[in-house]
Amino acid sequence: MTLIPDQAAMAEIAGGRSALAIARIECIYTHDRFFLESEDHVLENAGRIVQGRYDVICPTVQAWDLHQALPASRLTIVPDGSHSPMEAGMAAALVGATEEFRSNAV
């Protein structure tokens, strides 16, 4: 989930309550089809994409394909990013995108 292995984070996630909470969340999302209304829900509703270059859970090629399907989209590849939004590069890119959404909505 992270580019640079973090032993403390891995121990936290693998241990007791965190592992159970993550398992429950994954089950809920899977059971409810990830809350997508259709197979094309992401394509139909995405405008901006933030993707970690080293995300092996959601490979970059998927973000690229989505970006190609959405001519007006902007794809941001975070050079040191992975799947975790808690890593510095991903967090900065997500906060930046959120700030841009907010300024464009006003």
C-alpha atoms as a PDB file:
ATOM      1  CA  MET A   1       0.000   0.000   0.000  1.00  0.00           C
ATOM      2  CA  THR A   2       2.970   2.319   0.525  1.00  0.00           C
ATOM      3  CA  LEU A   3       6.042   2.863  -1.635  1.00  0.00           C
ATOM      4  CA  ILE A   4       8.472   2.761   1.279  1.00  0.00           C
ATOM      5  CA  PRO A   5       7.710  -0.087   3.700  1.00  0.00           C
ATOM      6  CA  ASP A   6       6.811   1.191   7.156  1.00  0.00           C
ATOM      7  CA  GLN A   7       7.220  -1.559   9.737  1.00  0.00           C
ATOM      8  CA  ALA A   8       5.193   0.288  12.382  1.00  0.00           C
ATOM      9  CA  ALA A   9       2.309   0.864   9.949  1.00  0.00           C
ATOM     10  CA  MET A  10       2.384  -2.778   8.839  1.00  0.00           C
ATOM     11  CA  ALA A  11       2.289  -3.966  12.441  1.00  0.00           C
ATOM     12  CA  GLU A  12      -0.608  -1.597  13.141  1.00  0.00           C
ATOM     13  CA  ILE A  13      -2.598  -2.741  10.117  1.00  0.00           C
ATOM     14  CA  ALA A  14      -1.913  -6.442  10.678  1.00  0.00           C
ATOM     15  CA  GLY A  15      -2.800  -6.365  14.342  1.00  0.00           C
ATOM     16  CA  GLY A  16      -6.130  -7.030  15.981  1.00  0.00           C
ATOM     17  CA  ARG A  17      -8.551  -4.135  15.731  1.00  0.00           C
ATOM     18  CA  SER A  18      -7.082  -2.511  12.614  1.00  0.00           C
ATOM     19  CA  ALA A  19      -7.085  -5.765  10.652  1.00  0.00           C
ATOM     20  CA  LEU A  20     -10.687  -6.424  11.649  1.00  0.00           C
ATOM     21  CA  ALA A  21     -11.761  -2.871  10.735  1.00  0.00           C
ATOM     22  CA  ILE A  22     -10.063  -3.079   7.326  1.00  0.00           C
ATOM     23  CA  ALA A  23     -11.640  -6.488   6.669  1.00  0.00           C
ATOM     24  CA  ARG A  24     -15.082  -5.122   7.524  1.00  0.00           C
ATOM     25  CA  ILE A  25     -14.644  -2.107   5.258  1.00  0.00           C
ATOM     26  CA  GLU A  26     -13.438  -4.296   2.378  1.00  0.00           C
ATOM     27  CA  CYS A  27     -16.411  -6.637   2.840  1.00  0.00           C
ATOM     28  CA  ILE A  28     -18.904  -3.768   2.860  1.00  0.00           C
ATOM     29  CA  TYR A  29     -17.439  -2.220  -0.291  1.00  0.00           C
ATOM     30  CA  THR A  30     -17.285  -5.564  -2.091  1.00  0.00           C
ATOM     31  CA  HIS A  31     -20.792  -6.570  -1.012  1.00  0.00           C
ATOM     32  CA  ASP A  32     -22.203  -3.235  -2.194  1.00  0.00           C
ATOM     33  CA  ARG A  33     -20.291  -3.330  -5.498  1.00  0.00           C
ATOM     34  CA  PHE A  34     -18.058  -0.479  -4.333  1.00  0.00           C
ATOM     35  CA  PHE A  35     -21.134   1.788  -4.321  1.00  0.00           C
ATOM     36  CA  LEU A  36     -20.952   2.119  -8.085  1.00  0.00           C
ATOM     37  CA  GLU A  37     -24.260   2.620  -9.846  1.00  0.00           C
ATOM     38  CA  SER A  38     -23.114   0.926 -13.047  1.00  0.00           C
ATOM     39  CA  GLU A  39     -20.070  -0.646 -14.655  1.00  0.00           C
ATOM     40  CA  ASP A  40     -19.283   2.711 -16.271  1.00  0.00           C
ATOM     41  CA  HIS A  41     -19.938   4.795 -13.142  1.00  0.00           C
ATOM     42  CA  VAL A  42     -16.320   5.911 -12.800  1.00  0.00           C
ATOM     43  CA  LEU A  43     -16.055   6.772 -16.480  1.00  0.00           C
ATOM     44  CA  GLU A  44     -19.326   8.656 -16.357  1.00  0.00           C
ATOM     45  CA  ASN A  45     -18.456  10.671 -13.249  1.00  0.00           C
ATOM     46  CA  ALA A  46     -14.705  11.250 -13.214  1.00  0.00           C
ATOM     47  CA  GLY A  47     -13.160  14.531 -14.237  1.00  0.00           C
ATOM     48  CA  ARG A  48      -9.851  14.598 -12.405  1.00  0.00           C
ATOM     49  CA  ILE A  49      -7.690  11.671 -11.434  1.00  0.00           C
ATOM     50  CA  VAL A  50      -4.865  11.484  -8.900  1.00  0.00           C
ATOM     51  CA  GLN A  51      -2.827   8.321  -9.287  1.00  0.00           C
ATOM     52  CA  GLY A  52       0.225   7.029  -7.457  1.00  0.00           C
ATOM     53  CA  ARG A  53       2.975   5.955  -9.859  1.00  0.00           C
ATOM     54  CA  TYR A  54       3.733   2.869  -7.764  1.00  0.00           C
ATOM     55  CA  ASP A  55       0.179   1.854  -6.871  1.00  0.00           C
ATOM     56  CA  VAL A  56       0.108  -1.913  -7.386  1.00  0.00           C
ATOM     57  CA  ILE A  57      -3.442  -2.211  -6.028  1.00  0.00           C
ATOM     58  CA  CYS A  58      -4.873   0.127  -8.694  1.00  0.00           C
ATOM     59  CA  PRO A  59      -2.272   0.026 -11.502  1.00  0.00           C
ATOM     60  CA  THR A  60      -1.422   3.261 -13.308  1.00  0.00           C
ATOM     61  CA  VAL A  61      -2.576   1.806 -16.618  1.00  0.00           C
ATOM     62  CA  GLN A  62      -6.148   1.857 -15.301  1.00  0.00           C
ATOM     63  CA  ALA A  63      -5.903   5.578 -14.551  1.00  0.00           C
ATOM     64  CA  TRP A  64      -4.363   6.144 -17.985  1.00  0.00           C
ATOM     65  CA  ASP A  65      -7.191   4.240 -19.709  1.00  0.00           C
ATOM     66  CA  LEU A  66      -9.755   6.245 -17.755  1.00  0.00           C
ATOM     67  CA  HIS A  67      -8.005   9.494 -18.631  1.00  0.00           C
ATOM     68  CA  GLN A  68      -8.021   8.532 -22.338  1.00  0.00           C
ATOM     69  CA  ALA A  69     -11.765   7.859 -22.130  1.00  0.00           C
ATOM     70  CA  LEU A  70     -12.356  11.317 -20.628  1.00  0.00           C
ATOM     71  CA  PRO A  71     -10.956  13.940 -23.007  1.00  0.00           C
ATOM     72  CA  ALA A  72     -11.553  16.821 -20.578  1.00  0.00           C
ATOM     73  CA  SER A  73      -9.914  15.067 -17.637  1.00  0.00           C
ATOM     74  CA  ARG A  74      -6.569  15.866 -16.082  1.00  0.00           C
ATOM     75  CA  LEU A  75      -4.401  12.996 -14.869  1.00  0.00           C
ATOM     76  CA  THR A  76      -1.861  13.663 -12.145  1.00  0.00           C
ATOM     77  CA  ILE A  77       0.758  10.953 -11.666  1.00  0.00           C
ATOM     78  CA  VAL A  78       2.369  11.344  -8.252  1.00  0.00           C
ATOM     79  CA  PRO A  79       6.020  10.326  -8.801  1.00  0.00           C
ATOM     80  CA  ASP A  80       6.560   8.948  -5.303  1.00  0.00           C
ATOM     81  CA  GLY A  81       2.949   7.898  -4.765  1.00  0.00           C
ATOM     82  CA  SER A  82       1.425   4.513  -4.194  1.00  0.00           C
ATOM     83  CA  HIS A  83      -2.038   3.421  -3.055  1.00  0.00           C
ATOM     84  CA  SER A  84      -1.935   5.118   0.342  1.00  0.00           C
ATOM     85  CA  PRO A  85      -3.328   8.643   0.583  1.00  0.00           C
ATOM     86  CA  MET A  86      -1.269   9.042   3.760  1.00  0.00           C
ATOM     87  CA  GLU A  87       2.072   9.237   1.973  1.00  0.00           C
ATOM     88  CA  ALA A  88       3.403  12.781   1.615  1.00  0.00           C
ATOM     89  CA  GLY A  89       3.242  13.003  -2.198  1.00  0.00           C
ATOM     90  CA  MET A  90      -0.249  11.524  -2.441  1.00  0.00           C
ATOM     91  CA  ALA A  91      -1.568  13.646   0.427  1.00  0.00           C
ATOM     92  CA  ALA A  92      -0.190  16.821  -1.169  1.00  0.00           C
ATOM     93  CA  ALA A  93      -1.695  15.964  -4.567  1.00  0.00           C
ATOM     94  CA  LEU A  94      -5.085  15.120  -3.063  1.00  0.00           C
ATOM     95  CA  VAL A  95      -5.172  18.285  -0.957  1.00  0.00           C
ATOM     96  CA  GLY A  96      -4.180  20.321  -4.026  1.00  0.00           C
ATOM     97  CA  ALA A  97      -6.930  18.745  -6.132  1.00  0.00           C
ATOM     98  CA  THR A  98      -9.467  19.318  -3.344  1.00  0.00           C
ATOM     99  CA  GLU A  99      -8.439  22.959  -3.038  1.00  0.00           C
ATOM    100  CA  GLU A 100      -8.829  23.350  -6.793  1.00  0.00           C
ATOM    101  CA  PHE A 101     -12.312  21.763  -6.693  1.00  0.00           C
ATOM    102  CA  ARG A 102     -13.259  24.199  -3.959  1.00  0.00           C
ATOM    103  CA  SER A 103     -11.935  27.282  -5.768  1.00  0.00           C
ATOM    104  CA  ASN A 104     -13.682  26.256  -9.013  1.00  0.00           C
ATOM    105  CA  ALA A 105     -16.973  25.646  -7.179  1.00  0.00           C
ATOM    106  CA  VAL A 106     -17.157  29.150  -5.765  1.00  0.00           C
END
